[in-house]
Structure formats: structure tokens, C-alpha cells
Amino acid sequence: IAFGSPYPSFPSDIASMPGAMVSGK
């Protein structure tokens, strides 16, 4: 995942709803 600028909080951000995964199907 490439960001337009540094995004240091990404690992913690995807520990809640923003990081939930829905079936690709």
C-alpha cells in the first residue's frame, strides 16, 4: 500500500473498522 506521503499510523489504523476485510467474491 503506497501513500502519497508518509503514513506512520497505518498499522494501528487497520486494527479497527478501516482494516475490516469483505469477501472479494
PDB file of all heavy atoms in Angstrom:
ATOM      1  N   ILE A   1       0.869  -1.179   0.000  1.00  0.00           N
ATOM      2  CA  ILE A   1       0.000   0.000   0.000  1.00  0.00           C
ATOM      3  C   ILE A   1       0.900   1.220   0.000  1.00  0.00           C
ATOM      4  O   ILE A   1       1.614   1.481   0.972  1.00  0.00           O
ATOM      5  CB  ILE A   1      -0.945   0.021   1.218  1.00  0.00           C
ATOM      6  CG1 ILE A   1      -1.849  -1.204   1.213  1.00  0.00           C
ATOM      7  CG2 ILE A   1      -1.792   1.288   1.213  1.00  0.00           C
ATOM      8  CD1 ILE A   1      -1.314  -2.384   1.989  1.00  0.00           C
ATOM      9  N   ALA A   2       0.885   1.956  -1.097  1.00  0.00           N
ATOM     10  CA  ALA A   2       1.722   3.148  -1.233  1.00  0.00           C
ATOM     11  C   ALA A   2       0.874   4.386  -0.985  1.00  0.00           C
ATOM     12  O   ALA A   2      -0.220   4.531  -1.549  1.00  0.00           O
ATOM     13  CB  ALA A   2       2.343   3.201  -2.619  1.00  0.00           C
ATOM     14  N   PHE A   3       1.376   5.271  -0.135  1.00  0.00           N
ATOM     15  CA  PHE A   3       0.688   6.510   0.193  1.00  0.00           C
ATOM     16  C   PHE A   3       1.353   7.677  -0.533  1.00  0.00           C
ATOM     17  O   PHE A   3       2.509   7.588  -0.936  1.00  0.00           O
ATOM     18  CB  PHE A   3       0.717   6.744   1.699  1.00  0.00           C
ATOM     19  CG  PHE A   3      -0.126   5.764   2.484  1.00  0.00           C
ATOM     20  CD1 PHE A   3       0.385   4.534   2.874  1.00  0.00           C
ATOM     21  CD2 PHE A   3      -1.436   6.076   2.810  1.00  0.00           C
ATOM     22  CE1 PHE A   3      -0.392   3.631   3.586  1.00  0.00           C
ATOM     23  CE2 PHE A   3      -2.220   5.187   3.526  1.00  0.00           C
ATOM     24  CZ  PHE A   3      -1.699   3.956   3.914  1.00  0.00           C
ATOM     25  N   GLY A   4       0.619   8.748  -0.662  1.00  0.00           N
ATOM     26  CA  GLY A   4       1.172   9.934  -1.303  1.00  0.00           C
ATOM     27  C   GLY A   4       2.235  10.604  -0.465  1.00  0.00           C
ATOM     28  O   GLY A   4       3.087  11.326  -0.983  1.00  0.00           O
ATOM     29  N   SER A   5       2.190  10.376   0.839  1.00  0.00           N
ATOM     30  CA  SER A   5       3.185  10.899   1.777  1.00  0.00           C
ATOM     31  C   SER A   5       3.286   9.899   2.925  1.00  0.00           C
ATOM     32  O   SER A   5       2.457   8.987   3.040  1.00  0.00           O
ATOM     33  CB  SER A   5       2.768  12.280   2.291  1.00  0.00           C
ATOM     34  OG  SER A   5       1.509  12.219   2.930  1.00  0.00           O
ATOM     35  N   PRO A   6       4.297  10.010   3.774  1.00  0.00           N
ATOM     36  CA  PRO A   6       4.447   9.044   4.868  1.00  0.00           C
ATOM     37  C   PRO A   6       3.183   8.922   5.715  1.00  0.00           C
ATOM     38  O   PRO A   6       2.525   9.925   6.029  1.00  0.00           O
ATOM     39  CB  PRO A   6       5.612   9.618   5.678  1.00  0.00           C
ATOM     40  CG  PRO A   6       6.421  10.375   4.674  1.00  0.00           C
ATOM     41  CD  PRO A   6       5.420  10.978   3.736  1.00  0.00           C
ATOM     42  N   TYR A   7       2.841   7.692   6.095  1.00  0.00           N
ATOM     43  CA  TYR A   7       1.627   7.433   6.861  1.00  0.00           C
ATOM     44  C   TYR A   7       1.971   6.466   7.998  1.00  0.00           C
ATOM     45  O   TYR A   7       1.662   5.270   7.941  1.00  0.00           O
ATOM     46  CB  TYR A   7       0.542   6.841   5.959  1.00  0.00           C
ATOM     47  CG  TYR A   7      -0.862   7.169   6.413  1.00  0.00           C
ATOM     48  CD1 TYR A   7      -1.566   8.226   5.849  1.00  0.00           C
ATOM     49  CD2 TYR A   7      -1.479   6.435   7.416  1.00  0.00           C
ATOM     50  CE1 TYR A   7      -2.850   8.544   6.258  1.00  0.00           C
ATOM     51  CE2 TYR A   7      -2.755   6.746   7.835  1.00  0.00           C
ATOM     52  CZ  TYR A   7      -3.444   7.792   7.250  1.00  0.00           C
ATOM     53  OH  TYR A   7      -4.713   8.107   7.666  1.00  0.00           O
ATOM     54  N   PRO A   8       2.603   6.971   9.054  1.00  0.00           N
ATOM     55  CA  PRO A   8       3.129   6.094  10.102  1.00  0.00           C
ATOM     56  C   PRO A   8       2.072   5.358  10.914  1.00  0.00           C
ATOM     57  O   PRO A   8       2.369   4.328  11.525  1.00  0.00           O
ATOM     58  CB  PRO A   8       3.930   7.047  10.992  1.00  0.00           C
ATOM     59  CG  PRO A   8       3.339   8.398  10.744  1.00  0.00           C
ATOM     60  CD  PRO A   8       2.942   8.392   9.300  1.00  0.00           C
ATOM     61  N   SER A   9       0.839   5.850  10.941  1.00  0.00           N
ATOM     62  CA  SER A   9      -0.182   5.221  11.781  1.00  0.00           C
ATOM     63  C   SER A   9      -0.927   4.092  11.083  1.00  0.00           C
ATOM     64  O   SER A   9      -1.859   3.515  11.653  1.00  0.00           O
ATOM     65  CB  SER A   9      -1.195   6.276  12.249  1.00  0.00           C
ATOM     66  OG  SER A   9      -1.924   6.806  11.147  1.00  0.00           O
ATOM     67  N   PHE A  10      -0.524   3.721   9.883  1.00  0.00           N
ATOM     68  CA  PHE A  10      -1.262   2.721   9.118  1.00  0.00           C
ATOM     69  C   PHE A  10      -1.484   1.405   9.873  1.00  0.00           C
ATOM     70  O   PHE A  10      -2.608   0.896   9.907  1.00  0.00           O
ATOM     71  CB  PHE A  10      -0.562   2.464   7.777  1.00  0.00           C
ATOM     72  CG  PHE A  10      -1.231   1.423   6.926  1.00  0.00           C
ATOM     73  CD1 PHE A  10      -2.521   1.634   6.435  1.00  0.00           C
ATOM     74  CD2 PHE A  10      -0.586   0.238   6.612  1.00  0.00           C
ATOM     75  CE1 PHE A  10      -3.149   0.669   5.647  1.00  0.00           C
ATOM     76  CE2 PHE A  10      -1.198  -0.723   5.830  1.00  0.00           C
ATOM     77  CZ  PHE A  10      -2.482  -0.514   5.337  1.00  0.00           C
ATOM     78  N   PRO A  11      -0.462   0.792  10.488  1.00  0.00           N
ATOM     79  CA  PRO A  11      -0.708  -0.487  11.189  1.00  0.00           C
ATOM     80  C   PRO A  11      -1.752  -0.384  12.290  1.00  0.00           C
ATOM     81  O   PRO A  11      -2.544  -1.317  12.494  1.00  0.00           O
ATOM     82  CB  PRO A  11       0.675  -0.838  11.757  1.00  0.00           C
ATOM     83  CG  PRO A  11       1.643  -0.141  10.871  1.00  0.00           C
ATOM     84  CD  PRO A  11       0.976   1.143  10.511  1.00  0.00           C
ATOM     85  N   SER A  12      -1.794   0.723  13.021  1.00  0.00           N
ATOM     86  CA  SER A  12      -2.810   0.886  14.066  1.00  0.00           C
ATOM     87  C   SER A  12      -4.170   1.250  13.472  1.00  0.00           C
ATOM     88  O   SER A  12      -5.208   0.851  14.005  1.00  0.00           O
ATOM     89  CB  SER A  12      -2.379   1.929  15.088  1.00  0.00           C
ATOM     90  OG  SER A  12      -2.172   3.188  14.487  1.00  0.00           O
ATOM     91  N   ASP A  13      -4.184   1.973  12.359  1.00  0.00           N
ATOM     92  CA  ASP A  13      -5.453   2.340  11.737  1.00  0.00           C
ATOM     93  C   ASP A  13      -6.221   1.124  11.240  1.00  0.00           C
ATOM     94  O   ASP A  13      -7.458   1.098  11.290  1.00  0.00           O
ATOM     95  CB  ASP A  13      -5.216   3.296  10.568  1.00  0.00           C
ATOM     96  CG  ASP A  13      -4.869   4.704  11.019  1.00  0.00           C
ATOM     97  OD1 ASP A  13      -4.888   4.961  12.235  1.00  0.00           O
ATOM     98  OD2 ASP A  13      -4.562   5.550  10.158  1.00  0.00           O
ATOM     99  N   ILE A  14      -5.518   0.111  10.760  1.00  0.00           N
ATOM    100  CA  ILE A  14      -6.194  -1.065  10.207  1.00  0.00           C
ATOM    101  C   ILE A  14      -6.481  -2.114  11.275  1.00  0.00           C
ATOM    102  O   ILE A  14      -6.871  -3.240  10.968  1.00  0.00           O
ATOM    103  CB  ILE A  14      -5.393  -1.694   9.050  1.00  0.00           C
ATOM    104  CG1 ILE A  14      -3.968  -2.065   9.498  1.00  0.00           C
ATOM    105  CG2 ILE A  14      -5.358  -0.741   7.855  1.00  0.00           C
ATOM    106  CD1 ILE A  14      -3.175  -2.814   8.430  1.00  0.00           C
ATOM    107  N   ALA A  15      -6.348  -1.721  12.554  1.00  0.00           N
ATOM    108  CA  ALA A  15      -6.705  -2.613  13.655  1.00  0.00           C
ATOM    109  C   ALA A  15      -8.173  -2.481  14.031  1.00  0.00           C
ATOM    110  O   ALA A  15      -8.657  -3.199  14.902  1.00  0.00           O
ATOM    111  CB  ALA A  15      -5.834  -2.318  14.876  1.00  0.00           C
ATOM    112  N   SER A  16      -8.893  -1.579  13.367  1.00  0.00           N
ATOM    113  CA  SER A  16     -10.317  -1.400  13.625  1.00  0.00           C
ATOM    114  C   SER A  16     -11.060  -1.410  12.290  1.00  0.00           C
ATOM    115  O   SER A  16     -10.560  -1.938  11.301  1.00  0.00           O
ATOM    116  CB  SER A  16     -10.556  -0.120  14.430  1.00  0.00           C
ATOM    117  OG  SER A  16      -9.968   0.991  13.792  1.00  0.00           O
ATOM    118  N   MET A  17     -12.244  -0.832  12.251  1.00  0.00           N
ATOM    119  CA  MET A  17     -13.099  -0.940  11.064  1.00  0.00           C
ATOM    120  C   MET A  17     -12.422  -0.613   9.736  1.00  0.00           C
ATOM    121  O   MET A  17     -12.701  -1.254   8.726  1.00  0.00           O
ATOM    122  CB  MET A  17     -14.337  -0.063  11.232  1.00  0.00           C
ATOM    123  CG  MET A  17     -15.489  -0.699  11.967  1.00  0.00           C
ATOM    124  SD  MET A  17     -16.276  -2.092  11.110  1.00  0.00           S
ATOM    125  CE  MET A  17     -15.609  -3.494  12.006  1.00  0.00           C
ATOM    126  N   PRO A  18     -11.523   0.373   9.657  1.00  0.00           N
ATOM    127  CA  PRO A  18     -10.887   0.648   8.359  1.00  0.00           C
ATOM    128  C   PRO A  18     -10.106  -0.539   7.799  1.00  0.00           C
ATOM    129  O   PRO A  18      -9.848  -0.603   6.605  1.00  0.00           O
ATOM    130  CB  PRO A  18      -9.948   1.822   8.667  1.00  0.00           C
ATOM    131  CG  PRO A  18     -10.485   2.443   9.884  1.00  0.00           C
ATOM    132  CD  PRO A  18     -11.100   1.338  10.682  1.00  0.00           C
ATOM    133  N   GLY A  19      -9.730  -1.483   8.681  1.00  0.00           N
ATOM    134  CA  GLY A  19      -8.976  -2.653   8.238  1.00  0.00           C
ATOM    135  C   GLY A  19      -9.810  -3.903   8.139  1.00  0.00           C
ATOM    136  O   GLY A  19      -9.269  -5.005   7.961  1.00  0.00           O
ATOM    137  N   ALA A  20     -11.130  -3.796   8.231  1.00  0.00           N
ATOM    138  CA  ALA A  20     -12.008  -4.959   8.075  1.00  0.00           C
ATOM    139  C   ALA A  20     -12.017  -5.400   6.616  1.00  0.00           C
ATOM    140  O   ALA A  20     -12.014  -4.576   5.701  1.00  0.00           O
ATOM    141  CB  ALA A  20     -13.420  -4.620   8.542  1.00  0.00           C
ATOM    142  N   MET A  21     -12.031  -6.709   6.412  1.00  0.00           N
ATOM    143  CA  MET A  21     -12.000  -7.234   5.056  1.00  0.00           C
ATOM    144  C   MET A  21     -13.318  -7.905   4.684  1.00  0.00           C
ATOM    145  O   MET A  21     -13.832  -8.749   5.422  1.00  0.00           O
ATOM    146  CB  MET A  21     -10.863  -8.254   4.916  1.00  0.00           C
ATOM    147  CG  MET A  21      -9.475  -7.633   4.940  1.00  0.00           C
ATOM    148  SD  MET A  21      -9.113  -6.612   3.468  1.00  0.00           S
ATOM    149  CE  MET A  21      -9.189  -4.958   4.180  1.00  0.00           C
ATOM    150  N   VAL A  22     -13.846  -7.507   3.526  1.00  0.00           N
ATOM    151  CA  VAL A  22     -15.052  -8.093   2.960  1.00  0.00           C
ATOM    152  C   VAL A  22     -14.643  -9.096   1.888  1.00  0.00           C
ATOM    153  O   VAL A  22     -13.623  -8.903   1.190  1.00  0.00           O
ATOM    154  CB  VAL A  22     -15.947  -6.998   2.330  1.00  0.00           C
ATOM    155  CG1 VAL A  22     -17.208  -7.604   1.724  1.00  0.00           C
ATOM    156  CG2 VAL A  22     -16.311  -5.948   3.373  1.00  0.00           C
ATOM    157  N   SER A  23     -15.395 -10.159   1.745  1.00  0.00           N
ATOM    158  CA  SER A  23     -15.131 -11.151   0.713  1.00  0.00           C
ATOM    159  C   SER A  23     -15.011 -10.507  -0.662  1.00  0.00           C
ATOM    160  O   SER A  23     -15.866  -9.718  -1.077  1.00  0.00           O
ATOM    161  CB  SER A  23     -16.261 -12.188   0.699  1.00  0.00           C
ATOM    162  OG  SER A  23     -16.388 -12.805  -0.563  1.00  0.00           O
ATOM    163  N   GLY A  24     -13.943 -10.871  -1.386  1.00  0.00           N
ATOM    164  CA  GLY A  24     -13.783 -10.368  -2.748  1.00  0.00           C
ATOM    165  C   GLY A  24     -14.889 -10.864  -3.661  1.00  0.00           C
ATOM    166  O   GLY A  24     -15.349 -10.153  -4.559  1.00  0.00           O
ATOM    167  N   LYS A  25     -15.335 -12.098  -3.417  1.00  0.00           N
ATOM    168  CA  LYS A  25     -16.436 -12.669  -4.203  1.00  0.00           C
ATOM    169  C   LYS A  25     -17.705 -11.854  -4.005  1.00  0.00           C
ATOM    170  O   LYS A  25     -18.438 -11.575  -4.969  1.00  0.00           O
ATOM    171  CB  LYS A  25     -16.656 -14.114  -3.771  1.00  0.00           C
ATOM    172  CG  LYS A  25     -17.756 -14.848  -4.505  1.00  0.00           C
ATOM    173  CD  LYS A  25     -17.867 -16.286  -3.999  1.00  0.00           C
ATOM    174  CE  LYS A  25     -19.011 -17.041  -4.675  1.00  0.00           C
ATOM    175  NZ  LYS A  25     -19.116 -18.439  -4.148  1.00  0.00           N
TER     176      LYS A  25
END
